[in-house]
């Protein structure tokens, strides 16, 4: 149900650049790619990443944040504040 609502929102997006003129990061586009991959692959995103990327490359210590039970040893993102102080990003924003 959430995927359907997510897809319906796309028609209301207005880009700040014309298509294919400039790269613009869009978290929603990556989310859409995830939904399409799950539907076409018949598996969860996490299962597809493991099967199609991690396993063929023998990346036995790699995983995705959404399925790590204990985040104490996970890599963490950082962001600069307006005064250029580096602060860690909350793990809850990575799931």
Protein backbone atom coordinates (compact mmCIF):
# COMPACT_ATOMS: atom_id res chain seq x y z
CA UNK A 1 0.00 0.00 0.00
CA UNK A 2 2.79 2.43 0.86
CA UNK A 3 4.49 1.67 -2.48
CA UNK A 4 1.30 2.56 -4.35
CA UNK A 5 0.98 5.89 -2.52
CA UNK A 6 4.66 6.56 -3.19
CA UNK A 7 4.23 5.96 -6.92
CA UNK A 8 1.11 8.16 -7.10
CA UNK A 9 3.06 11.13 -5.68
CA UNK A 10 5.46 11.19 -8.63
CA UNK A 11 3.04 12.89 -11.01
CA UNK A 12 2.93 15.92 -8.71
CA UNK A 13 6.70 16.47 -8.64
CA UNK A 14 8.13 19.43 -10.48
CA UNK A 15 11.79 19.18 -11.38
CA UNK A 16 14.11 22.11 -10.91
CA UNK A 17 15.95 21.19 -14.14
CA UNK A 18 14.84 19.81 -17.48
CA UNK A 19 15.16 16.04 -17.88
CA UNK A 20 18.68 14.90 -18.86
CA UNK A 21 20.19 18.39 -18.71
CA UNK A 22 21.82 18.10 -15.30
CA UNK A 23 22.21 15.44 -12.63
CA UNK A 24 20.04 16.05 -9.59
CA UNK A 25 19.97 13.66 -6.64
CA UNK A 26 16.49 12.46 -5.79
CA UNK A 27 15.83 10.12 -2.90
CA UNK A 28 12.35 9.53 -4.29
CA UNK A 29 13.80 8.27 -7.57
CA UNK A 30 15.98 5.78 -5.70
CA UNK A 31 12.90 4.72 -3.74
CA UNK A 32 11.01 4.21 -6.99
CA UNK A 33 13.88 2.14 -8.39
CA UNK A 34 13.72 0.00 -5.24
CA UNK A 35 9.96 -0.57 -5.63
CA UNK A 36 10.31 -1.46 -9.33
CA UNK A 37 13.22 -3.83 -8.57
CA UNK A 38 11.20 -5.62 -5.89
CA UNK A 39 8.22 -6.06 -8.20
CA UNK A 40 10.27 -7.29 -11.15
CA UNK A 41 12.59 -9.44 -9.03
CA UNK A 42 9.90 -10.94 -6.83
CA UNK A 43 12.05 -10.43 -3.73
CA UNK A 44 12.73 -7.75 -1.15
CA UNK A 45 15.29 -5.06 -1.93
CA UNK A 46 17.61 -6.52 0.69
CA UNK A 47 17.38 -10.02 -0.85
CA UNK A 48 18.01 -8.64 -4.35
CA UNK A 49 21.06 -6.64 -3.23
CA UNK A 50 22.52 -9.72 -1.57
CA UNK A 51 21.77 -12.05 -4.51
CA UNK A 52 22.70 -9.73 -7.38
CA UNK A 53 25.58 -7.71 -5.91
CA UNK A 54 27.04 -8.96 -2.65
CA UNK A 55 27.08 -12.72 -3.42
CA UNK A 56 28.57 -12.52 -6.96
CA UNK A 57 31.30 -10.18 -5.69
CA UNK A 58 31.89 -12.38 -2.61
CA UNK A 59 31.15 -9.45 -0.30
CA UNK A 60 30.51 -11.63 2.73
CA UNK A 61 30.74 -8.82 5.29
CA UNK A 62 28.41 -6.42 3.46
CA UNK A 63 24.75 -5.83 4.22
CA UNK A 64 22.12 -3.08 4.17
CA UNK A 65 21.23 -0.87 7.12
CA UNK A 66 17.57 -1.88 7.21
CA UNK A 67 18.32 -5.42 8.37
CA UNK A 68 21.23 -4.95 10.80
CA UNK A 69 19.97 -6.00 14.24
CA UNK A 70 22.86 -4.41 16.14
CA UNK A 71 24.13 -1.08 14.82
CA UNK A 72 27.01 -0.74 17.30
CA UNK A 73 29.57 -1.82 14.68
CA UNK A 74 27.91 -0.25 11.62
CA UNK A 75 29.45 2.51 9.53
CA UNK A 76 27.78 5.84 10.12
CA UNK A 77 27.25 8.91 7.97
CA UNK A 78 28.29 12.43 8.93
CA UNK A 79 27.13 15.88 7.90
CA UNK A 80 28.60 19.36 8.23
CA UNK A 81 26.68 21.98 10.19
CA UNK A 82 26.51 25.58 8.88
CA UNK A 83 29.60 26.42 10.99
CA UNK A 84 31.51 23.46 9.47
CA UNK A 85 31.31 21.20 12.50
CA UNK A 86 31.09 17.52 11.55
CA UNK A 87 28.28 15.67 13.35
CA UNK A 88 27.09 12.05 13.04
CA UNK A 89 23.79 11.30 11.31
CA UNK A 90 21.30 9.40 13.44
CA UNK A 91 21.09 5.71 12.52
CA UNK A 92 17.29 5.97 12.42
CA UNK A 93 17.65 8.16 9.30
CA UNK A 94 19.56 5.38 7.53
CA UNK A 95 16.93 2.68 7.89
